[in-house]
N, C-alpha and C. Protein backbone atom coordinates (compact mmCIF):
# COMPACT_ATOMS: atom_id res chain seq x y z
N MET A 1 0.83 -1.19 0.01
CA MET A 1 0.02 -0.01 -0.01
C MET A 1 0.88 1.25 -0.01
N ILE A 2 0.55 2.20 -0.79
CA ILE A 2 1.32 3.44 -0.90
C ILE A 2 0.79 4.45 0.09
N ALA A 3 1.68 5.19 0.73
CA ALA A 3 1.28 6.15 1.75
C ALA A 3 0.72 7.42 1.10
N ARG A 4 -0.35 7.92 1.68
CA ARG A 4 -0.97 9.15 1.13
C ARG A 4 -0.13 10.37 1.51
N ILE A 5 0.39 10.40 2.74
CA ILE A 5 1.22 11.54 3.18
C ILE A 5 2.56 10.97 3.60
N ARG A 6 3.62 11.59 3.10
CA ARG A 6 4.99 11.15 3.41
C ARG A 6 5.79 12.31 3.98
N LYS A 7 6.98 11.97 4.48
CA LYS A 7 7.91 12.96 5.00
C LYS A 7 8.26 13.97 3.88
N ASP A 8 8.42 15.25 4.28
CA ASP A 8 8.76 16.37 3.40
C ASP A 8 7.63 16.77 2.47
N ASP A 9 6.41 16.26 2.66
CA ASP A 9 5.25 16.77 1.90
C ASP A 9 4.74 18.04 2.52
N THR A 10 4.20 18.93 1.70
CA THR A 10 3.52 20.12 2.21
C THR A 10 2.06 19.73 2.39
N VAL A 11 1.52 20.04 3.60
CA VAL A 11 0.17 19.69 3.91
C VAL A 11 -0.59 20.87 4.50
N ILE A 12 -1.94 20.79 4.44
CA ILE A 12 -2.80 21.80 5.06
C ILE A 12 -3.67 21.09 6.07
N VAL A 13 -3.93 21.76 7.21
CA VAL A 13 -4.77 21.18 8.22
C VAL A 13 -6.24 21.52 7.89
N ILE A 14 -7.10 20.49 7.85
CA ILE A 14 -8.49 20.71 7.43
C ILE A 14 -9.46 20.76 8.58
N SER A 15 -9.02 20.41 9.81
CA SER A 15 -9.91 20.50 10.97
C SER A 15 -9.06 20.62 12.22
N GLY A 16 -9.70 21.15 13.26
CA GLY A 16 -9.01 21.30 14.56
C GLY A 16 -8.60 22.72 14.82
N ARG A 17 -7.81 22.91 15.88
CA ARG A 17 -7.45 24.27 16.29
C ARG A 17 -6.53 24.97 15.31
N ASP A 18 -5.79 24.23 14.49
CA ASP A 18 -4.89 24.83 13.53
C ASP A 18 -5.44 24.77 12.10
N LYS A 19 -6.77 24.75 11.99
CA LYS A 19 -7.41 24.64 10.67
C LYS A 19 -6.95 25.80 9.75
N GLY A 20 -6.58 25.43 8.51
CA GLY A 20 -6.18 26.43 7.53
C GLY A 20 -4.66 26.65 7.45
N LYS A 21 -3.90 26.18 8.45
CA LYS A 21 -2.44 26.40 8.44
C LYS A 21 -1.79 25.33 7.58
N THR A 22 -0.66 25.74 6.96
CA THR A 22 0.10 24.79 6.16
C THR A 22 1.48 24.59 6.78
N GLY A 23 2.07 23.46 6.52
CA GLY A 23 3.40 23.15 7.04
C GLY A 23 3.97 21.93 6.32
N MET A 24 5.26 21.65 6.63
CA MET A 24 5.93 20.52 6.04
C MET A 24 5.98 19.38 7.02
N VAL A 25 5.75 18.17 6.54
CA VAL A 25 5.76 16.97 7.39
C VAL A 25 7.18 16.66 7.80
N ILE A 26 7.42 16.56 9.11
CA ILE A 26 8.72 16.24 9.69
C ILE A 26 8.87 14.72 9.80
N GLU A 27 7.82 14.08 10.31
CA GLU A 27 7.89 12.61 10.56
C GLU A 27 6.49 12.06 10.50
N VAL A 28 6.37 10.82 9.97
CA VAL A 28 5.06 10.15 9.89
C VAL A 28 5.18 8.86 10.72
N LEU A 29 4.13 8.63 11.54
CA LEU A 29 4.03 7.41 12.32
C LEU A 29 2.87 6.60 11.79
N PRO A 30 3.11 5.71 10.79
CA PRO A 30 2.00 5.01 10.11
C PRO A 30 1.21 4.09 10.98
N LYS A 31 1.82 3.43 11.95
CA LYS A 31 1.08 2.50 12.82
C LYS A 31 0.10 3.24 13.71
N LYS A 32 0.49 4.43 14.19
CA LYS A 32 -0.38 5.25 15.03
C LYS A 32 -1.30 6.17 14.23
N LYS A 33 -1.06 6.26 12.91
CA LYS A 33 -1.79 7.15 12.01
C LYS A 33 -1.66 8.61 12.44
N LYS A 34 -0.42 9.01 12.77
CA LYS A 34 -0.12 10.38 13.22
C LYS A 34 1.05 10.92 12.41
N ALA A 35 1.22 12.24 12.44
CA ALA A 35 2.34 12.89 11.78
C ALA A 35 2.75 14.10 12.58
N PHE A 36 4.04 14.46 12.49
CA PHE A 36 4.54 15.71 13.06
C PHE A 36 4.72 16.70 11.93
N VAL A 37 4.11 17.89 12.05
CA VAL A 37 4.15 18.89 11.01
C VAL A 37 4.77 20.14 11.57
N LYS A 38 5.75 20.71 10.81
CA LYS A 38 6.45 21.92 11.28
C LYS A 38 5.49 23.09 11.41
N GLY A 39 5.44 23.66 12.60
CA GLY A 39 4.62 24.83 12.88
C GLY A 39 3.16 24.54 13.21
N ILE A 40 2.79 23.28 13.28
CA ILE A 40 1.41 22.89 13.58
C ILE A 40 1.38 22.14 14.94
N ALA A 41 0.33 22.36 15.71
CA ALA A 41 0.07 21.69 17.01
C ALA A 41 1.26 21.95 17.95
N ILE A 42 1.60 23.23 18.14
CA ILE A 42 2.68 23.60 19.03
C ILE A 42 2.23 23.43 20.49
N VAL A 43 3.00 22.71 21.28
CA VAL A 43 2.72 22.55 22.72
C VAL A 43 3.87 23.10 23.53
N THR A 44 3.58 23.51 24.78
CA THR A 44 4.58 24.06 25.66
C THR A 44 5.05 22.97 26.62
N LYS A 45 6.37 22.77 26.68
CA LYS A 45 6.98 21.75 27.55
C LYS A 45 7.76 22.50 28.64
N HIS A 46 7.39 22.26 29.89
CA HIS A 46 8.08 22.88 31.02
C HIS A 46 9.14 21.88 31.52
N ALA A 47 10.41 22.32 31.55
CA ALA A 47 11.51 21.47 31.97
C ALA A 47 12.03 21.93 33.31
N LYS A 48 12.06 21.01 34.29
CA LYS A 48 12.60 21.32 35.60
C LYS A 48 14.12 21.33 35.52
N PRO A 49 14.78 22.11 36.40
CA PRO A 49 16.23 22.03 36.43
C PRO A 49 16.66 20.68 36.99
N ARG A 50 17.63 20.05 36.31
CA ARG A 50 18.08 18.71 36.71
C ARG A 50 19.23 18.77 37.72
N ARG A 51 20.15 19.69 37.54
CA ARG A 51 21.30 19.85 38.45
C ARG A 51 21.23 21.17 39.17
N GLN A 52 21.96 21.20 40.27
CA GLN A 52 22.01 22.45 41.01
C GLN A 52 22.72 23.53 40.19
N GLY A 53 22.15 24.71 40.10
CA GLY A 53 22.73 25.79 39.34
C GLY A 53 22.16 25.86 37.92
N GLU A 54 21.48 24.81 37.50
CA GLU A 54 20.83 24.82 36.17
C GLU A 54 19.48 25.48 36.24
N ALA A 55 19.14 26.22 35.22
CA ALA A 55 17.85 26.89 35.21
C ALA A 55 16.78 26.04 34.53
N GLY A 56 15.54 26.17 35.00
CA GLY A 56 14.44 25.52 34.31
C GLY A 56 14.13 26.27 33.05
N SER A 57 13.36 25.67 32.17
CA SER A 57 13.07 26.32 30.89
C SER A 57 11.66 25.94 30.39
N ILE A 58 11.18 26.76 29.48
CA ILE A 58 9.91 26.47 28.83
C ILE A 58 10.23 26.37 27.33
N LYS A 59 9.94 25.16 26.78
CA LYS A 59 10.25 24.92 25.37
C LYS A 59 8.94 24.70 24.61
N LYS A 60 8.91 25.16 23.36
CA LYS A 60 7.78 24.93 22.47
C LYS A 60 8.22 23.93 21.43
N LYS A 61 7.37 22.92 21.19
CA LYS A 61 7.69 21.91 20.18
C LYS A 61 6.42 21.42 19.53
N GLU A 62 6.58 20.73 18.38
CA GLU A 62 5.45 20.24 17.65
C GLU A 62 4.92 18.95 18.30
N SER A 63 3.62 18.84 18.37
CA SER A 63 2.96 17.59 18.82
C SER A 63 2.48 16.87 17.59
N ASN A 64 2.07 15.61 17.79
CA ASN A 64 1.61 14.86 16.60
C ASN A 64 0.17 15.23 16.27
N VAL A 65 -0.17 15.08 14.99
CA VAL A 65 -1.46 15.38 14.42
C VAL A 65 -2.00 14.14 13.73
N ASP A 66 -3.29 13.90 13.81
CA ASP A 66 -3.88 12.74 13.17
C ASP A 66 -3.81 12.93 11.67
N LEU A 67 -3.50 11.86 10.94
CA LEU A 67 -3.39 11.91 9.48
C LEU A 67 -4.70 12.29 8.79
N SER A 68 -5.84 11.99 9.46
CA SER A 68 -7.14 12.30 8.84
C SER A 68 -7.43 13.80 8.82
N THR A 69 -6.67 14.58 9.62
CA THR A 69 -6.91 16.02 9.65
C THR A 69 -5.96 16.77 8.67
N LEU A 70 -5.14 16.04 7.95
CA LEU A 70 -4.20 16.64 7.01
C LEU A 70 -4.59 16.34 5.57
N MET A 71 -4.36 17.30 4.71
CA MET A 71 -4.57 17.11 3.27
C MET A 71 -3.36 17.61 2.53
N PRO A 72 -2.80 16.79 1.65
CA PRO A 72 -1.63 17.20 0.89
C PRO A 72 -1.90 18.37 -0.02
N VAL A 73 -0.87 19.21 -0.24
CA VAL A 73 -0.97 20.32 -1.18
C VAL A 73 -0.14 19.96 -2.41
N CYS A 74 -0.78 20.03 -3.56
CA CYS A 74 -0.11 19.67 -4.83
C CYS A 74 1.01 20.68 -5.14
N GLY A 75 2.13 20.23 -5.60
CA GLY A 75 3.21 21.12 -5.97
C GLY A 75 2.96 21.83 -7.28
N ALA A 76 2.17 21.25 -8.17
CA ALA A 76 1.93 21.86 -9.48
C ALA A 76 0.79 22.88 -9.41
N CYS A 77 -0.35 22.54 -8.84
CA CYS A 77 -1.50 23.47 -8.84
C CYS A 77 -1.58 24.27 -7.55
N LYS A 78 -0.73 23.96 -6.55
CA LYS A 78 -0.65 24.72 -5.29
C LYS A 78 -1.98 24.75 -4.52
N LYS A 79 -2.80 23.69 -4.69
CA LYS A 79 -4.08 23.62 -3.97
C LYS A 79 -4.14 22.30 -3.22
N PRO A 80 -4.94 22.29 -2.11
CA PRO A 80 -5.14 21.01 -1.41
C PRO A 80 -5.83 20.03 -2.33
N CYS A 81 -5.39 18.77 -2.30
CA CYS A 81 -5.97 17.80 -3.22
C CYS A 81 -6.01 16.41 -2.57
N ARG A 82 -6.85 15.57 -3.15
CA ARG A 82 -6.84 14.17 -2.78
C ARG A 82 -5.79 13.49 -3.67
N ILE A 83 -5.38 12.31 -3.20
CA ILE A 83 -4.31 11.62 -3.91
C ILE A 83 -4.82 10.30 -4.45
N ASN A 84 -4.55 10.02 -5.70
CA ASN A 84 -4.80 8.71 -6.30
C ASN A 84 -3.43 8.04 -6.55
N THR A 85 -3.46 6.77 -6.78
CA THR A 85 -2.24 6.07 -7.14
C THR A 85 -2.34 5.59 -8.56
N LYS A 86 -1.18 5.53 -9.23
CA LYS A 86 -1.14 5.12 -10.61
C LYS A 86 0.05 4.19 -10.79
N ARG A 87 -0.16 3.07 -11.46
CA ARG A 87 0.92 2.14 -11.69
C ARG A 87 1.54 2.46 -13.06
N LEU A 88 2.84 2.68 -13.06
CA LEU A 88 3.54 2.99 -14.29
C LEU A 88 3.90 1.71 -15.06
N LYS A 89 4.39 1.86 -16.28
CA LYS A 89 4.73 0.73 -17.14
C LYS A 89 5.88 -0.08 -16.53
N GLU A 90 6.76 0.63 -15.78
CA GLU A 90 7.90 -0.06 -15.15
C GLU A 90 7.45 -0.97 -14.00
N GLY A 91 6.20 -0.76 -13.53
CA GLY A 91 5.67 -1.57 -12.45
C GLY A 91 5.58 -0.91 -11.10
N ASN A 92 6.14 0.29 -10.95
CA ASN A 92 6.11 0.97 -9.65
C ASN A 92 4.91 1.92 -9.59
N CYS A 93 4.44 2.15 -8.33
CA CYS A 93 3.32 3.02 -8.08
C CYS A 93 3.77 4.45 -7.80
N VAL A 94 3.02 5.42 -8.28
CA VAL A 94 3.30 6.82 -7.98
C VAL A 94 2.01 7.46 -7.49
N ARG A 95 2.19 8.55 -6.74
CA ARG A 95 1.03 9.31 -6.25
C ARG A 95 0.72 10.38 -7.25
N VAL A 96 -0.59 10.56 -7.53
CA VAL A 96 -1.06 11.48 -8.52
C VAL A 96 -2.11 12.43 -7.93
N CYS A 97 -1.96 13.74 -8.26
CA CYS A 97 -2.95 14.71 -7.81
C CYS A 97 -4.29 14.45 -8.49
N ASN A 98 -5.35 14.49 -7.71
CA ASN A 98 -6.66 14.21 -8.27
C ASN A 98 -7.23 15.39 -9.08
N ARG A 99 -6.72 16.58 -8.84
CA ARG A 99 -7.20 17.77 -9.62
C ARG A 99 -6.50 17.91 -10.95
N CYS A 100 -5.15 17.98 -10.91
CA CYS A 100 -4.45 18.32 -12.16
C CYS A 100 -3.76 17.10 -12.77
N LYS A 101 -3.86 15.92 -12.16
CA LYS A 101 -3.33 14.65 -12.67
C LYS A 101 -1.78 14.66 -12.78
N GLU A 102 -1.12 15.54 -12.02
CA GLU A 102 0.35 15.59 -12.01
C GLU A 102 0.89 14.62 -10.99
N VAL A 103 2.07 14.06 -11.25
CA VAL A 103 2.71 13.14 -10.31
C VAL A 103 3.34 13.95 -9.19
N PHE A 104 3.17 13.45 -7.96
CA PHE A 104 3.76 14.14 -6.79
C PHE A 104 5.23 13.96 -6.78
C-alpha cells in the first residue's frame, strides 16, 4: 500500500485548532496514524532544572497530528488535493494529484 502523506510533503490542516495552516511533514508514524508537521500543533513543555545551578526552561515543540486532519498540497497546482495512485509501465506506483493529474 502506498502512503498518502509522506515525510517532506507540504500539507494543510483541514480541521481542529490549527485549521487552515500549512506546514511541512517532519515525521510520519504510520502505525499510530499520526504525523509531526512543522509549525502545527505547538505545545509548551516545562523542563525542571536537573542539576544544582541549572535553570528551568519552557520549550515549544510540535505535537503529533492525526493523518485524517491533514490534506496534501499539490506542488503543481498549489491547492489542497486528494491523492490517487497510478501504476507505471515499469511496475512501480506513484502518487497522482486528483485535480491536475500531475505526479507528486
